Amino acid sequence: MNKLNLSFCALALFFFGNASGQQAPKPNPALLKTINAEFKDAGRQYHVLMKNLPPDQFPKTFYPVTGKFEACKSDWWVSGFYPGTLLYLYQQTKDQGLYNEAERILKVLEKEKNNKTTHDLGFMMYCSFGLANQIKPKPAYKDILLTSAKSLASRFNPTVGCIESWDSKVPDFLVIIDNMMNLELLFWATRATGDSSYYKIAVTHANTTMKNHFRPDYSSYHVVDYNSQTGAVQKRRTDQGYADESAWARGQAWGLYGYTLMYRETRDKKYLDQANHIARFILDHPNLPKDKIPYWDFNAPGIPNALRDASAGAIIASALLELSKYNGKPAKQEYFTIAEQIIRRLSSVAYKAAPGTNGGFILMHGVGHMPKKSEIDVPLTYGDYYYIEALKRYKNYTN
């Protein structure tokens, strides 16, 4: 081959190689068709769920062996996921019955805007009223969300630098990794009002958590017990994981999602780096199964026969799809591909319930609280929510 041809080939390789390198991952057309069908199936399932739901209560889980349906009152931390899932499904299906049910149950939930005894107002109010306000904005929704943000902010201790998760006796001040998910409500409040105090609380909480919740390998403790009067760390432990030094799967998922949203809201690269480090811990872990649906704890006894947690898988998939957008190759493509793999697996008969079964819930095989033997190998309302969110994010994926 002469020099001219060599130069041409090199130039072509450079040009086309760079061009392909700049392309964003693209959703698979066949999978998109499947996802549209999944939305319709899920909508029908939630009509079944409606019929099983006691008046003025919210779905928690269903026990297939006994046929027992379990619901909760509006003050339980999962209450926002049912209206949130209804609204996500309404967006995709335009089924007015789903929207009407969401409006009905939001009226039951509204009073929790004044609840200052919980850190979960982000889950409860932003996953519900926040989404409702995006779909059909109303002044009442804005007022509810702002009151909720004020209630959440009231739990912030500037000495500790965190929002308190669980009430406890002084001087104990308990913070769980889950609390990262509630910060989105505070960012919204600053955008809506121009009051930067909400933003500052969210950033301070995230920074303190990043400093004290994570091990050198970027796995996360579940609970950090601070001294409320000095801010010192008194103990690091677990509540829902296998052991204090183990990596509870859903906790790792909360961290991944939480620091991804921190980067979205602030564009501070340290949060992107943190999210990427957490992603690497999860994806490179030798105990992550080939299908990427994690065991309920990365160090659970009995692996490979330990139970999986579909809810953790759904959260990870949703988080990875967003995190993919903030990275260059090869992480961009890797995160997208793994999220796609999780979506395919969760949409299979191994995890997706047959129509009319599972109490009306969409996914099977979640693990709520293994140490307390509560909600073991059952559907979970938040598993459904993040699964549908992941489907939506995949469908709408752009660079």
Protein backbone atom coordinates (compact mmCIF):
# COMPACT_ATOMS: atom_id res chain seq x y z
CA MET A 1 0.00 0.00 0.00
CA ASN A 2 1.45 3.41 -0.97
CA LYS A 3 1.88 6.39 1.33
CA LEU A 4 -1.14 8.19 -0.11
CA ASN A 5 -3.46 5.28 0.66
CA LEU A 6 -1.97 4.91 4.13
CA SER A 7 -2.58 8.59 4.81
CA PHE A 8 -6.15 8.34 3.55
CA CYS A 9 -6.87 5.29 5.74
CA ALA A 10 -5.38 6.97 8.77
CA LEU A 11 -7.43 10.09 8.15
CA ALA A 12 -10.60 8.06 7.65
CA LEU A 13 -9.96 6.06 10.80
CA PHE A 14 -9.37 9.26 12.77
CA PHE A 15 -12.48 10.97 11.41
CA PHE A 16 -14.93 8.11 11.71
CA GLY A 17 -13.46 6.92 14.98
CA ASN A 18 -13.92 10.33 16.54
CA ALA A 19 -17.38 10.69 15.06
CA SER A 20 -18.52 7.40 16.53
CA GLY A 21 -16.91 8.28 19.83
CA GLN A 22 -19.07 11.39 20.10
CA GLN A 23 -22.33 9.55 19.54
CA ALA A 24 -24.55 9.04 22.54
CA PRO A 25 -25.85 5.58 23.34
CA LYS A 26 -29.17 5.01 21.64
CA PRO A 27 -32.18 3.14 23.01
CA ASN A 28 -32.85 -0.14 21.23
CA PRO A 29 -35.95 0.18 18.97
CA ALA A 30 -37.17 -3.32 19.84
CA LEU A 31 -36.77 -2.64 23.55
CA LEU A 32 -38.61 0.66 23.18
CA LYS A 33 -41.59 -1.25 21.80
CA THR A 34 -41.38 -3.62 24.75
CA ILE A 35 -41.21 -0.69 27.15
CA ASN A 36 -44.33 0.89 25.70
CA ALA A 37 -46.08 -2.43 26.26
CA GLU A 38 -44.67 -2.53 29.79
CA PHE A 39 -46.25 0.84 30.57
CA LYS A 40 -49.64 -0.45 29.44
CA ASP A 41 -49.27 -3.68 31.41
CA ALA A 42 -48.22 -1.71 34.48
CA GLY A 43 -51.22 0.59 34.12
CA ARG A 44 -53.52 -2.41 34.08
CA GLN A 45 -51.76 -3.84 37.12
CA TYR A 46 -52.32 -0.62 39.02
CA HIS A 47 -56.02 -0.83 38.33
CA VAL A 48 -55.85 -4.18 40.13
CA LEU A 49 -53.83 -2.55 42.92
CA MET A 50 -56.48 0.15 43.34
CA LYS A 51 -59.13 -2.46 44.06
CA ASN A 52 -56.98 -4.11 46.73
CA LEU A 53 -56.15 -0.85 48.50
CA PRO A 54 -58.08 -0.04 51.70
CA PRO A 55 -59.67 3.43 51.70
CA ASP A 56 -57.31 6.27 52.59
CA GLN A 57 -54.27 3.99 52.82
CA PHE A 58 -51.17 3.45 50.71
CA PRO A 59 -49.75 0.19 49.33
CA LYS A 60 -46.63 -1.30 50.92
CA THR A 61 -46.40 -4.91 49.74
CA PHE A 62 -48.20 -8.17 49.03
CA TYR A 63 -47.39 -11.64 50.33
CA PRO A 64 -47.94 -14.14 47.49
CA VAL A 65 -47.83 -17.21 49.75
CA THR A 66 -50.63 -16.02 52.05
CA GLY A 67 -52.38 -13.62 49.70
CA LYS A 68 -52.11 -10.87 52.32
CA PHE A 69 -52.10 -7.29 51.08
CA GLU A 70 -50.27 -4.82 53.32
CA ALA A 71 -50.98 -1.09 53.33
CA CYS A 72 -49.94 1.87 55.49
CA LYS A 73 -51.10 5.28 56.58
CA SER A 74 -49.90 8.48 54.97
CA ASP A 75 -47.18 9.08 57.57
CA TRP A 76 -45.17 5.99 56.56
CA TRP A 77 -42.13 6.72 54.41
CA VAL A 78 -43.37 4.90 51.31
CA SER A 79 -46.63 6.81 50.93
CA GLY A 80 -45.45 9.01 48.06
CA PHE A 81 -44.49 6.19 45.72
CA TYR A 82 -48.04 5.04 44.92
CA PRO A 83 -49.24 8.43 43.61
CA GLY A 84 -45.86 8.92 41.96
CA THR A 85 -46.10 5.65 40.04
CA LEU A 86 -49.69 6.43 39.05
CA LEU A 87 -48.54 9.77 37.65
CA TYR A 88 -45.58 8.28 35.80
CA LEU A 89 -47.93 5.74 34.23
CA TYR A 90 -50.48 8.42 33.36
CA GLN A 91 -47.75 10.32 31.51
CA GLN A 92 -47.05 7.27 29.38
CA THR A 93 -50.55 5.85 28.87
CA LYS A 94 -52.86 8.89 29.20
CA ASP A 95 -55.16 6.65 31.22
CA GLN A 96 -57.40 9.17 33.00
CA GLY A 97 -58.35 6.60 35.61
CA LEU A 98 -54.75 6.51 36.82
CA TYR A 99 -54.63 10.30 37.08
CA ASN A 100 -57.96 10.43 38.93
CA GLU A 101 -56.69 7.90 41.46
CA ALA A 102 -53.51 9.90 41.92
CA GLU A 103 -55.52 13.05 42.63
CA ARG A 104 -57.68 11.17 45.12
CA ILE A 105 -54.81 9.75 47.11
CA LEU A 106 -52.85 13.02 47.01
CA LYS A 107 -55.62 14.58 49.06
CA VAL A 108 -55.01 11.94 51.72
CA LEU A 109 -51.27 12.57 51.61
CA GLU A 110 -51.41 16.37 51.73
CA LYS A 111 -51.43 16.69 55.53
CA GLU A 112 -47.92 15.22 55.72
CA LYS A 113 -46.57 18.57 54.52
CA ASN A 114 -46.57 19.57 58.20
CA ASN A 115 -44.83 16.41 59.40
CA LYS A 116 -41.59 17.40 61.12
CA THR A 117 -40.98 13.97 62.65
CA THR A 118 -39.56 12.39 59.48
CA HIS A 119 -36.69 12.98 57.07
CA ASP A 120 -38.58 11.16 54.31
CA LEU A 121 -40.59 14.14 53.05
CA GLY A 122 -38.62 14.06 49.81
CA PHE A 123 -39.81 10.53 49.13
CA MET A 124 -43.29 11.28 50.41
CA MET A 125 -43.98 14.68 48.91
CA TYR A 126 -41.57 15.29 46.02
CA CYS A 127 -42.08 11.89 44.39
CA SER A 128 -45.81 12.64 44.47
CA PHE A 129 -46.69 16.33 44.54
CA GLY A 130 -43.45 17.23 42.79
CA LEU A 131 -44.40 15.06 39.84
CA ALA A 132 -48.03 16.22 39.93
CA ASN A 133 -46.80 19.81 39.76
CA GLN A 134 -44.67 18.99 36.72
CA ILE A 135 -47.57 17.40 34.88
CA LYS A 136 -50.30 19.93 35.71
CA PRO A 137 -48.88 22.80 37.76
CA LYS A 138 -51.15 24.26 40.42
CA PRO A 139 -50.51 26.95 43.04
CA ALA A 140 -51.77 24.52 45.69
CA TYR A 141 -49.09 21.99 44.74
CA LYS A 142 -46.39 24.63 45.04
CA ASP A 143 -47.64 25.65 48.49
CA ILE A 144 -47.70 22.01 49.63
CA LEU A 145 -44.16 21.43 48.40
CA LEU A 146 -42.81 24.59 50.02
CA THR A 147 -44.41 23.71 53.35
CA SER A 148 -42.91 20.24 53.02
CA ALA A 149 -39.45 21.71 52.35
CA LYS A 150 -39.73 23.90 55.45
CA SER A 151 -40.70 20.86 57.51
CA LEU A 152 -37.73 18.90 56.18
CA ALA A 153 -35.33 21.79 56.74
CA SER A 154 -36.43 22.01 60.38
CA ARG A 155 -34.58 18.73 61.02
CA PHE A 156 -31.22 20.19 60.01
CA ASN A 157 -28.60 20.52 62.75
CA PRO A 158 -25.84 22.97 61.73
CA THR A 159 -23.43 21.58 64.34
CA VAL A 160 -23.66 18.11 62.81
CA GLY A 161 -24.11 19.42 59.28
CA CYS A 162 -26.92 16.97 58.52
CA ILE A 163 -30.67 16.50 58.47
CA GLU A 164 -31.67 14.06 61.21
CA SER A 165 -33.11 10.83 59.87
CA TRP A 166 -34.57 9.08 62.90
CA ASP A 167 -35.55 10.76 66.14
CA SER A 168 -33.51 9.53 69.10
CA LYS A 169 -32.46 10.51 72.61
CA VAL A 170 -29.94 13.32 73.02
CA PRO A 171 -27.07 13.34 72.25
CA ASP A 172 -27.61 10.68 69.54
CA PHE A 173 -28.27 12.09 66.07
CA LEU A 174 -28.92 9.35 63.52
CA VAL A 175 -28.37 9.84 59.78
CA ILE A 176 -28.96 7.15 57.16
CA ILE A 177 -27.69 7.02 53.59
CA ASP A 178 -31.32 6.98 52.37
CA ASN A 179 -31.55 10.64 53.38
CA MET A 180 -29.59 11.64 50.27
CA MET A 181 -32.77 11.01 48.30
CA ASN A 182 -34.73 13.67 50.16
CA LEU A 183 -32.44 16.54 49.17
CA GLU A 184 -34.11 16.96 45.79
CA LEU A 185 -37.08 18.63 47.51
CA LEU A 186 -34.76 21.26 49.00
CA PHE A 187 -33.16 22.07 45.66
CA TRP A 188 -36.61 22.53 44.18
CA ALA A 189 -37.54 24.89 47.01
CA THR A 190 -34.56 27.16 46.27
CA ARG A 191 -35.45 27.24 42.56
CA ALA A 192 -39.08 28.02 43.38
CA THR A 193 -38.41 30.76 45.93
CA GLY A 194 -34.90 32.05 45.39
CA ASP A 195 -34.19 31.28 49.04
CA SER A 196 -30.70 29.78 49.06
CA SER A 197 -31.02 28.38 52.60
CA TYR A 198 -32.59 25.18 51.27
CA TYR A 199 -29.76 24.74 48.77
CA LYS A 200 -27.14 25.30 51.46
CA ILE A 201 -28.72 22.71 53.75
CA ALA A 202 -28.75 20.13 50.94
CA VAL A 203 -25.12 20.76 50.03
CA THR A 204 -23.97 20.71 53.65
CA HIS A 205 -25.79 17.43 54.28
CA ALA A 206 -24.29 15.87 51.15
CA ASN A 207 -20.77 17.01 52.07
CA THR A 208 -21.03 15.69 55.63
CA THR A 209 -22.41 12.39 54.36
CA MET A 210 -19.65 12.08 51.78
CA LYS A 211 -17.07 12.60 54.52
CA ASN A 212 -18.48 10.21 57.12
CA HIS A 213 -20.68 7.59 55.46
CA PHE A 214 -18.23 6.08 52.98
CA ARG A 215 -15.41 3.59 53.35
CA PRO A 216 -12.16 3.82 51.33
CA ASP A 217 -13.68 1.51 48.68
CA TYR A 218 -16.70 3.88 48.36
CA SER A 219 -19.16 1.45 49.86
CA SER A 220 -21.51 3.09 52.31
CA TYR A 221 -22.49 2.48 55.89
CA HIS A 222 -26.22 2.50 56.44
CA VAL A 223 -26.34 4.52 59.68
CA VAL A 224 -23.99 7.09 61.17
CA ASP A 225 -24.66 8.09 64.77
CA TYR A 226 -23.42 11.64 65.43
CA ASN A 227 -23.26 13.56 68.68
CA SER A 228 -25.87 16.28 68.27
CA GLN A 229 -23.97 18.68 70.54
CA THR A 230 -20.46 18.32 69.08
CA GLY A 231 -21.02 16.90 65.59
CA ALA A 232 -18.57 14.07 66.26
CA VAL A 233 -19.19 10.61 64.81
CA GLN A 234 -20.04 8.22 67.65
CA LYS A 235 -20.70 5.03 65.68
CA ARG A 236 -21.18 3.65 62.19
CA ARG A 237 -23.53 0.70 61.79
CA THR A 238 -26.34 -0.93 59.85
CA ASP A 239 -30.04 -1.36 60.46
CA GLN A 240 -31.27 -3.10 57.30
CA GLY A 241 -28.03 -4.63 56.08
CA TYR A 242 -26.35 -7.90 57.01
CA ALA A 243 -23.65 -6.43 59.26
CA ASP A 244 -22.18 -3.09 60.26
CA GLU A 245 -19.28 -3.52 57.82
CA SER A 246 -21.31 -5.05 54.99
CA ALA A 247 -22.65 -3.23 51.94
CA TRP A 248 -26.44 -3.24 52.05
CA ALA A 249 -27.49 -3.21 48.40
CA ARG A 250 -30.29 -0.67 48.51
CA GLY A 251 -28.09 1.62 50.59
CA GLN A 252 -25.47 1.58 47.85
CA ALA A 253 -28.23 2.34 45.34
CA TRP A 254 -29.44 5.32 47.39
CA GLY A 255 -25.90 6.69 47.46
CA LEU A 256 -25.44 6.26 43.71
CA TYR A 257 -28.73 7.97 42.94
CA GLY A 258 -28.23 10.65 45.59
CA TYR A 259 -24.82 11.87 44.41
CA THR A 260 -25.94 11.74 40.78
CA LEU A 261 -28.77 14.14 41.61
CA MET A 262 -26.31 16.26 43.61
CA TYR A 263 -24.25 16.73 40.45
CA ARG A 264 -27.36 17.51 38.43
CA GLU A 265 -28.40 20.23 40.89
CA THR A 266 -24.99 21.81 41.55
CA ARG A 267 -22.67 20.79 38.67
CA ASP A 268 -19.97 20.42 41.30
CA LYS A 269 -17.53 17.83 39.94
CA LYS A 270 -16.83 16.33 43.35
CA TYR A 271 -20.35 14.91 43.34
CA LEU A 272 -19.89 13.45 39.87
CA ASP A 273 -16.65 11.86 41.04
CA GLN A 274 -18.42 10.46 44.09
CA ALA A 275 -21.23 9.00 42.00
CA ASN A 276 -18.72 7.41 39.65
CA HIS A 277 -16.78 5.92 42.56
CA ILE A 278 -19.99 4.41 43.97
CA ALA A 279 -20.89 3.07 40.54
CA ARG A 280 -17.52 1.39 40.27
CA PHE A 281 -17.92 -0.23 43.68
CA ILE A 282 -21.29 -1.67 42.61
CA LEU A 283 -20.41 -2.70 39.07
CA ASP A 284 -16.97 -4.13 39.83
CA HIS A 285 -18.02 -6.03 42.94
CA PRO A 286 -17.29 -9.75 42.63
CA ASN A 287 -20.64 -10.56 44.21
CA LEU A 288 -22.70 -8.62 41.66
CA PRO A 289 -24.58 -11.30 39.67
CA LYS A 290 -24.18 -11.50 35.92
CA ASP A 291 -27.71 -10.19 35.36
CA LYS A 292 -26.84 -7.15 37.55
CA ILE A 293 -29.79 -7.58 39.95
CA PRO A 294 -27.95 -7.39 43.29
CA TYR A 295 -28.26 -9.66 46.27
CA TRP A 296 -30.00 -7.87 49.12
CA ASP A 297 -26.55 -7.26 50.62
CA PHE A 298 -23.25 -7.52 48.75
CA ASN A 299 -21.91 -9.52 51.68
CA ALA A 300 -25.06 -11.52 52.39
CA PRO A 301 -24.58 -15.03 53.74
CA GLY A 302 -25.43 -17.83 51.35
CA ILE A 303 -24.32 -16.16 48.12
CA PRO A 304 -24.99 -17.28 45.36
CA ASN A 305 -28.24 -18.55 46.90
CA ALA A 306 -29.02 -15.34 48.79
CA LEU A 307 -32.16 -13.42 47.87
CA ARG A 308 -31.99 -10.66 45.28
CA ASP A 309 -33.48 -7.20 45.74
CA ALA A 310 -35.33 -6.06 42.63
CA SER A 311 -35.92 -2.64 44.18
CA ALA A 312 -32.17 -2.02 44.45
CA GLY A 313 -31.78 -3.11 40.84
CA ALA A 314 -34.45 -0.64 39.70
CA ILE A 315 -32.86 2.25 41.61
CA ILE A 316 -29.43 1.43 40.19
CA ALA A 317 -30.78 1.28 36.63
CA SER A 318 -32.52 4.63 36.95
CA ALA A 319 -29.44 6.24 38.49
CA LEU A 320 -27.06 4.81 35.88
CA LEU A 321 -29.15 6.17 33.02
CA GLU A 322 -28.82 9.68 34.42
CA LEU A 323 -25.17 9.27 35.40
CA SER A 324 -24.39 8.05 31.89
CA LYS A 325 -25.32 11.48 30.53
CA TYR A 326 -22.74 13.25 32.67
CA ASN A 327 -19.78 11.10 31.59
CA GLY A 328 -17.70 10.66 28.48
CA LYS A 329 -16.89 7.31 26.97
CA PRO A 330 -16.35 4.56 27.98
CA ALA A 331 -18.34 5.12 31.20
CA LYS A 332 -21.24 6.68 29.28
CA GLN A 333 -21.76 3.56 27.19
CA GLU A 334 -21.05 1.15 30.04
CA TYR A 335 -23.59 2.72 32.40
CA PHE A 336 -26.21 2.86 29.66
CA THR A 337 -25.62 -0.75 28.64
CA ILE A 338 -25.83 -2.07 32.20
CA ALA A 339 -29.00 -0.06 32.90
CA GLU A 340 -30.46 -1.54 29.72
CA GLN A 341 -29.49 -5.01 30.90
CA ILE A 342 -31.18 -4.46 34.27
CA ILE A 343 -34.33 -3.17 32.58
CA ARG A 344 -34.48 -6.24 30.33
CA ARG A 345 -34.06 -8.54 33.31
CA LEU A 346 -36.63 -6.80 35.49
CA SER A 347 -39.05 -6.87 32.55
CA SER A 348 -38.69 -10.63 32.20
CA VAL A 349 -40.91 -13.26 33.80
CA ALA A 350 -38.21 -13.73 36.44
CA TYR A 351 -39.14 -10.40 38.06
CA LYS A 352 -42.22 -8.96 36.38
CA ALA A 353 -45.48 -10.34 37.76
CA ALA A 354 -48.07 -11.95 35.51
CA PRO A 355 -51.11 -9.73 34.87
CA GLY A 356 -53.64 -9.80 37.68
CA THR A 357 -51.24 -11.40 40.16
CA ASN A 358 -48.86 -10.06 42.81
CA GLY A 359 -51.61 -8.00 44.46
CA GLY A 360 -51.40 -5.56 41.56
CA PHE A 361 -47.74 -4.70 42.10
CA ILE A 362 -45.48 -4.77 39.03
CA LEU A 363 -42.23 -6.32 40.26
CA MET A 364 -41.59 -9.39 42.38
CA HIS A 365 -38.64 -10.32 44.59
CA GLY A 366 -37.83 -7.29 46.67
CA VAL A 367 -36.27 -7.38 50.14
CA GLY A 368 -37.38 -4.73 52.61
CA HIS A 369 -35.82 -5.40 56.01
CA MET A 370 -34.04 -8.74 56.28
CA PRO A 371 -32.79 -8.38 59.89
CA LYS A 372 -36.35 -7.78 61.10
CA LYS A 373 -37.68 -10.49 58.76
CA SER A 374 -40.03 -7.90 57.26
CA GLU A 375 -41.02 -7.73 53.57
CA ILE A 376 -38.85 -10.62 52.42
CA ASP A 377 -38.99 -11.73 48.77
CA VAL A 378 -42.08 -9.66 48.02
CA PRO A 379 -43.11 -6.73 45.82
CA LEU A 380 -42.26 -3.28 47.16
CA THR A 381 -44.02 -0.05 46.22
CA TYR A 382 -40.73 1.81 45.76
CA GLY A 383 -39.43 -0.98 43.55
CA ASP A 384 -42.31 -0.30 41.18
CA TYR A 385 -41.71 3.45 41.27
CA TYR A 386 -38.03 3.31 40.33
CA TYR A 387 -38.63 0.59 37.75
CA ILE A 388 -41.17 2.77 35.94
CA GLU A 389 -38.85 5.76 36.30
CA ALA A 390 -36.02 3.73 34.76
CA LEU A 391 -38.25 2.74 31.82
CA LYS A 392 -39.18 6.38 31.30
CA ARG A 393 -35.56 7.52 31.46
CA TYR A 394 -34.53 4.87 28.95
CA LYS A 395 -37.36 5.80 26.58
CA ASN A 396 -36.47 9.50 26.75
CA TYR A 397 -32.68 9.03 26.78
CA THR A 398 -30.70 11.71 25.00
CA ASN A 399 -27.10 12.77 25.41
